[in-house]
Amino acid sequence: MRLGLPHHLIGRSDRPSRLAVGRDLLMHLLEAHPEVDAVSFANDELAAGALFECARRGVRVPEDLAIMGFSD
């Protein structure tokens, strides 16, 4: 079992936090690494954007992909 995150799986954006940014980050992550089963975001707005992208793709949360966001 491999523990920890390889550096190349850590994404970032210079754009302000918005739902669309979370959606885009998750979209690119899943295209590059479809085996990912958990992801965390720096805030809840980004995580919500990722949740909407999961709904669009038919990805079940948390069964197929766990999503976590920091903040309130």
Protein backbone atom coordinates (compact mmCIF):
# COMPACT_ATOMS: atom_id res chain seq x y z
CA MET A 1 0.00 0.00 0.00
CA ARG A 2 1.37 3.40 -0.97
CA LEU A 3 0.92 6.18 1.56
CA GLY A 4 1.03 9.92 0.99
CA LEU A 5 0.41 12.03 -2.07
CA PRO A 6 2.91 12.27 -4.88
CA HIS A 7 3.71 15.91 -5.56
CA HIS A 8 2.27 15.75 -9.07
CA LEU A 9 -1.20 15.13 -7.62
CA ILE A 10 -1.20 18.44 -5.79
CA GLY A 11 -3.02 20.94 -7.97
CA ARG A 12 -3.31 24.67 -7.63
CA SER A 13 -4.86 27.61 -9.37
CA ASP A 14 -3.98 31.28 -9.37
CA ARG A 15 -7.65 32.10 -9.99
CA PRO A 16 -9.81 33.30 -7.08
CA SER A 17 -11.75 30.55 -5.31
CA ARG A 18 -14.99 29.93 -7.13
CA LEU A 19 -17.21 26.94 -7.84
CA ALA A 20 -15.90 26.85 -11.41
CA VAL A 21 -12.31 26.59 -10.20
CA GLY A 22 -13.14 23.56 -8.02
CA ARG A 23 -14.94 22.00 -10.96
CA ASP A 24 -11.99 22.59 -13.28
CA LEU A 25 -9.42 21.30 -10.78
CA LEU A 26 -11.36 18.09 -10.27
CA MET A 27 -12.00 17.68 -13.98
CA HIS A 28 -8.27 17.88 -14.76
CA LEU A 29 -7.37 15.60 -11.84
CA LEU A 30 -9.82 12.88 -12.90
CA GLU A 31 -8.72 13.07 -16.52
CA ALA A 32 -5.07 12.61 -15.52
CA HIS A 33 -5.64 10.17 -12.63
CA PRO A 34 -9.01 8.38 -12.86
CA GLU A 35 -7.95 6.04 -10.04
CA VAL A 36 -8.12 8.84 -7.44
CA ASP A 37 -10.60 8.01 -4.68
CA ALA A 38 -10.23 11.01 -2.35
CA VAL A 39 -9.48 14.70 -2.78
CA SER A 40 -9.25 17.65 -0.42
CA PHE A 41 -9.59 21.34 -1.22
CA ALA A 42 -8.36 24.48 0.52
CA ASN A 43 -11.94 25.68 1.06
CA ASP A 44 -15.55 24.57 0.85
CA GLU A 45 -16.34 26.62 -2.26
CA LEU A 46 -13.78 24.68 -4.28
CA ALA A 47 -15.05 21.42 -2.80
CA ALA A 48 -18.63 22.33 -3.77
CA GLY A 49 -17.50 22.96 -7.34
CA ALA A 50 -15.92 19.52 -7.36
CA LEU A 51 -19.15 18.04 -6.01
CA PHE A 52 -21.09 19.58 -8.92
CA GLU A 53 -18.57 18.10 -11.36
CA CYS A 54 -19.07 14.70 -9.75
CA ALA A 55 -22.82 15.02 -10.22
CA ARG A 56 -22.31 15.93 -13.88
CA ARG A 57 -20.08 12.88 -14.41
CA GLY A 58 -22.21 10.45 -12.40
CA VAL A 59 -19.46 9.99 -9.80
CA ARG A 60 -21.01 8.94 -6.48
CA VAL A 61 -19.82 10.86 -3.42
CA PRO A 62 -18.54 9.42 -1.10
CA GLU A 63 -18.83 5.89 -2.56
CA ASP A 64 -16.63 6.52 -5.62
CA LEU A 65 -14.82 9.69 -4.54
CA ALA A 66 -14.47 11.31 -1.13
CA ILE A 67 -14.37 15.12 -1.17
CA MET A 68 -13.20 17.32 1.67
CA GLY A 69 -13.02 21.11 1.97
CA PHE A 70 -11.57 23.28 4.73
CA SER A 71 -13.41 26.28 6.23
CA ASP A 72 -16.98 26.66 7.39
